[in-house]
N, C-alpha and C. Protein backbone atom coordinates (compact mmCIF):
# COMPACT_ATOMS: atom_id res chain seq x y z
N LEU A 1 -7.20 5.47 5.42
CA LEU A 1 -6.87 6.57 4.89
C LEU A 1 -7.01 7.62 5.64
N LEU A 2 -5.91 8.50 5.72
CA LEU A 2 -6.06 9.80 6.48
C LEU A 2 -7.03 10.71 5.86
N PRO A 3 -7.65 11.46 6.39
CA PRO A 3 -8.44 12.61 5.77
C PRO A 3 -7.95 13.58 5.24
N ALA A 4 -8.37 14.31 4.17
CA ALA A 4 -7.81 15.36 3.47
C ALA A 4 -8.37 16.51 3.58
N LYS A 5 -7.66 17.62 3.29
CA LYS A 5 -8.34 19.31 3.31
C LYS A 5 -8.20 19.64 1.95
N LEU A 6 -9.39 19.70 1.33
CA LEU A 6 -9.32 20.18 -0.06
C LEU A 6 -8.97 21.74 -0.11
N VAL A 7 -7.83 21.78 -1.09
CA VAL A 7 -7.39 23.02 -1.38
C VAL A 7 -7.53 23.29 -3.04
N ASN A 8 -6.93 22.24 -3.63
CA ASN A 8 -6.93 22.57 -5.17
C ASN A 8 -7.32 20.99 -5.71
N MET A 9 -8.37 21.03 -6.54
CA MET A 9 -8.63 19.68 -7.03
C MET A 9 -7.84 19.54 -8.45
N THR A 10 -7.22 20.50 -8.81
CA THR A 10 -6.25 20.31 -10.12
C THR A 10 -5.16 19.20 -9.97
N GLY A 11 -5.21 18.43 -10.94
CA GLY A 11 -4.18 17.06 -10.53
C GLY A 11 -4.49 15.72 -9.71
N ALA A 12 -5.83 15.72 -9.28
CA ALA A 12 -6.20 14.79 -8.44
C ALA A 12 -6.41 13.49 -9.19
N GLY A 13 -7.04 13.56 -10.46
CA GLY A 13 -7.24 12.54 -11.34
C GLY A 13 -5.78 11.87 -11.71
N ASP A 14 -4.85 12.75 -12.27
CA ASP A 14 -3.49 12.34 -12.44
C ASP A 14 -2.89 11.50 -11.39
N ALA A 15 -2.92 12.14 -10.18
CA ALA A 15 -2.38 11.70 -9.02
C ALA A 15 -2.86 10.25 -8.76
N MET A 16 -4.11 10.24 -9.11
CA MET A 16 -4.89 8.81 -8.62
C MET A 16 -4.46 7.84 -9.77
N MET A 17 -4.30 8.16 -11.05
CA MET A 17 -3.95 7.16 -12.00
C MET A 17 -2.25 6.99 -11.62
N ALA A 18 -1.58 7.86 -11.35
CA ALA A 18 -0.16 7.56 -11.25
C ALA A 18 0.12 6.64 -9.93
N GLY A 19 -0.68 6.87 -8.97
CA GLY A 19 -0.72 6.18 -7.78
C GLY A 19 -1.09 4.44 -8.03
N VAL A 20 -2.18 4.56 -8.73
CA VAL A 20 -2.64 3.02 -9.02
C VAL A 20 -1.85 2.26 -10.15
N THR A 21 -1.13 3.01 -11.16
CA THR A 21 -0.24 2.54 -12.16
C THR A 21 1.10 1.83 -11.35
N TRP A 22 1.68 2.69 -10.26
CA TRP A 22 2.78 2.56 -9.52
C TRP A 22 2.39 1.24 -8.67
N ALA A 23 1.41 1.46 -8.08
CA ALA A 23 1.21 0.26 -7.11
C ALA A 23 1.02 -1.16 -7.89
N TYR A 24 0.42 -0.96 -9.23
CA TYR A 24 0.16 -2.16 -10.06
C TYR A 24 1.47 -2.64 -10.49
N THR A 25 2.57 -2.02 -10.95
CA THR A 25 3.64 -2.42 -11.31
C THR A 25 4.61 -2.71 -10.07
N GLN A 26 4.30 -2.60 -8.97
CA GLN A 26 5.06 -2.99 -7.78
C GLN A 26 4.39 -4.38 -7.34
N GLY A 27 3.31 -4.79 -7.95
CA GLY A 27 2.64 -6.16 -7.47
C GLY A 27 2.00 -6.35 -6.28
N MET A 28 1.48 -4.95 -6.15
CA MET A 28 0.44 -4.84 -4.88
C MET A 28 -0.81 -5.43 -5.29
N THR A 29 -1.63 -5.92 -4.18
CA THR A 29 -2.88 -6.38 -4.52
C THR A 29 -3.89 -5.41 -5.07
N LEU A 30 -5.00 -5.85 -5.54
CA LEU A 30 -5.97 -4.73 -5.82
C LEU A 30 -6.26 -3.84 -4.95
N GLU A 31 -6.83 -4.23 -3.66
CA GLU A 31 -7.11 -3.32 -2.53
C GLU A 31 -6.03 -2.38 -2.27
N GLN A 32 -4.82 -2.99 -2.19
CA GLN A 32 -3.65 -1.99 -1.94
C GLN A 32 -3.35 -0.92 -3.01
N THR A 33 -3.54 -1.29 -4.32
CA THR A 33 -3.54 -0.40 -5.44
C THR A 33 -4.64 0.52 -5.44
N GLY A 34 -5.77 0.29 -4.97
CA GLY A 34 -6.77 1.10 -4.65
C GLY A 34 -6.54 2.23 -3.97
N LEU A 35 -6.04 1.65 -2.72
CA LEU A 35 -5.57 2.61 -1.41
C LEU A 35 -4.27 3.67 -1.87
N VAL A 36 -3.43 3.17 -2.62
CA VAL A 36 -2.50 3.91 -3.15
C VAL A 36 -3.11 4.95 -3.99
N GLY A 37 -3.81 4.58 -5.09
CA GLY A 37 -4.42 5.52 -5.83
C GLY A 37 -5.05 6.67 -5.05
N ILE A 38 -6.02 6.29 -4.24
CA ILE A 38 -6.61 7.29 -3.37
C ILE A 38 -5.83 8.17 -2.38
N ALA A 39 -4.84 7.52 -1.93
CA ALA A 39 -3.77 8.33 -1.04
C ALA A 39 -3.36 9.38 -1.90
N ALA A 40 -2.98 8.90 -2.87
CA ALA A 40 -2.15 10.00 -3.93
C ALA A 40 -2.95 11.02 -4.30
N SER A 41 -4.27 10.62 -4.65
CA SER A 41 -5.31 11.75 -5.07
C SER A 41 -5.42 12.61 -3.89
N SER A 42 -5.77 12.06 -2.57
CA SER A 42 -5.92 12.97 -1.59
C SER A 42 -4.75 13.75 -1.24
N MET A 43 -3.60 13.43 -1.36
CA MET A 43 -2.32 14.46 -1.40
C MET A 43 -2.47 15.44 -2.28
N ALA A 44 -2.72 15.05 -3.46
CA ALA A 44 -2.56 16.01 -4.57
C ALA A 44 -3.71 17.54 -4.22
N ILE A 45 -4.83 17.02 -3.69
CA ILE A 45 -5.68 18.11 -3.51
C ILE A 45 -5.49 18.85 -2.31
N GLU A 46 -4.43 18.49 -1.44
CA GLU A 46 -3.98 19.31 -0.27
C GLU A 46 -3.08 20.49 -0.87
N GLY A 47 -2.54 20.70 -1.95
CA GLY A 47 -1.54 21.39 -2.23
C GLY A 47 -2.10 22.46 -3.06
N GLU A 48 -1.40 23.70 -3.03
CA GLU A 48 -1.68 25.00 -3.80
C GLU A 48 -1.45 24.95 -5.21
N ASP A 49 -0.54 24.14 -5.47
CA ASP A 49 -0.03 24.07 -6.92
C ASP A 49 -0.67 22.71 -7.48
N THR A 50 -0.08 22.71 -8.84
CA THR A 50 -0.69 21.51 -9.54
C THR A 50 -0.14 20.35 -9.22
N ILE A 51 1.14 20.18 -8.78
CA ILE A 51 1.89 19.10 -8.21
C ILE A 51 2.00 19.48 -6.77
N ASN A 52 1.44 18.87 -5.79
CA ASN A 52 1.85 18.97 -4.49
C ASN A 52 3.18 18.71 -4.12
N GLY A 53 4.02 19.44 -3.63
CA GLY A 53 5.49 19.05 -3.37
C GLY A 53 5.85 18.16 -2.23
N GLU A 54 4.65 17.86 -1.33
CA GLU A 54 4.91 16.85 -0.52
C GLU A 54 4.65 15.42 -0.93
N LEU A 55 3.93 15.22 -2.11
CA LEU A 55 3.47 14.09 -2.68
C LEU A 55 4.84 13.32 -2.90
N ASN A 56 5.25 12.19 -2.43
CA ASN A 56 6.23 11.10 -2.56
C ASN A 56 5.75 9.80 -2.15
N VAL A 57 6.55 8.78 -2.64
CA VAL A 57 6.09 7.34 -2.39
C VAL A 57 6.05 7.01 -0.83
N GLU A 58 7.03 7.64 0.03
CA GLU A 58 6.73 7.48 1.28
C GLU A 58 5.48 7.98 2.02
N GLU A 59 5.30 9.13 1.80
CA GLU A 59 4.05 9.75 2.15
C GLU A 59 2.63 9.21 1.77
N VAL A 60 2.83 8.68 0.34
CA VAL A 60 1.59 7.93 0.10
C VAL A 60 1.36 6.55 0.52
N ILE A 61 2.24 5.88 0.94
CA ILE A 61 2.28 4.76 1.53
C ILE A 61 1.89 4.66 2.89
N LYS A 62 2.52 5.75 3.57
CA LYS A 62 1.97 6.12 4.78
C LYS A 62 0.67 6.65 5.04
N ARG A 63 -0.02 7.24 3.92
CA ARG A 63 -1.36 7.70 4.00
C ARG A 63 -2.09 6.48 3.61
N ALA A 64 -1.73 5.61 2.79
CA ALA A 64 -2.59 4.41 2.55
C ALA A 64 -2.63 3.76 3.79
N GLY A 65 -1.95 3.68 4.30
CA GLY A 65 -2.01 2.68 5.56
C GLY A 65 -1.47 1.31 5.45
N ILE A 66 -0.70 1.03 4.28
CA ILE A 66 -0.06 -0.32 3.89
C ILE A 66 1.41 -0.32 4.15
């Protein structure tokens, strides 16, 4: 996982659960599911807004390293 720069913690838990849920429905392994959740959460905390505009599937997968 790439390091994150904390800007705003709002939405971090929601992003984590969205990432976990998405990865689970894609049939990813438990480890991959966790990595996707953490990656989504780490991206969420880097945005000024409640929803980071940079947060998308391709970037989350890249950050998760899978």
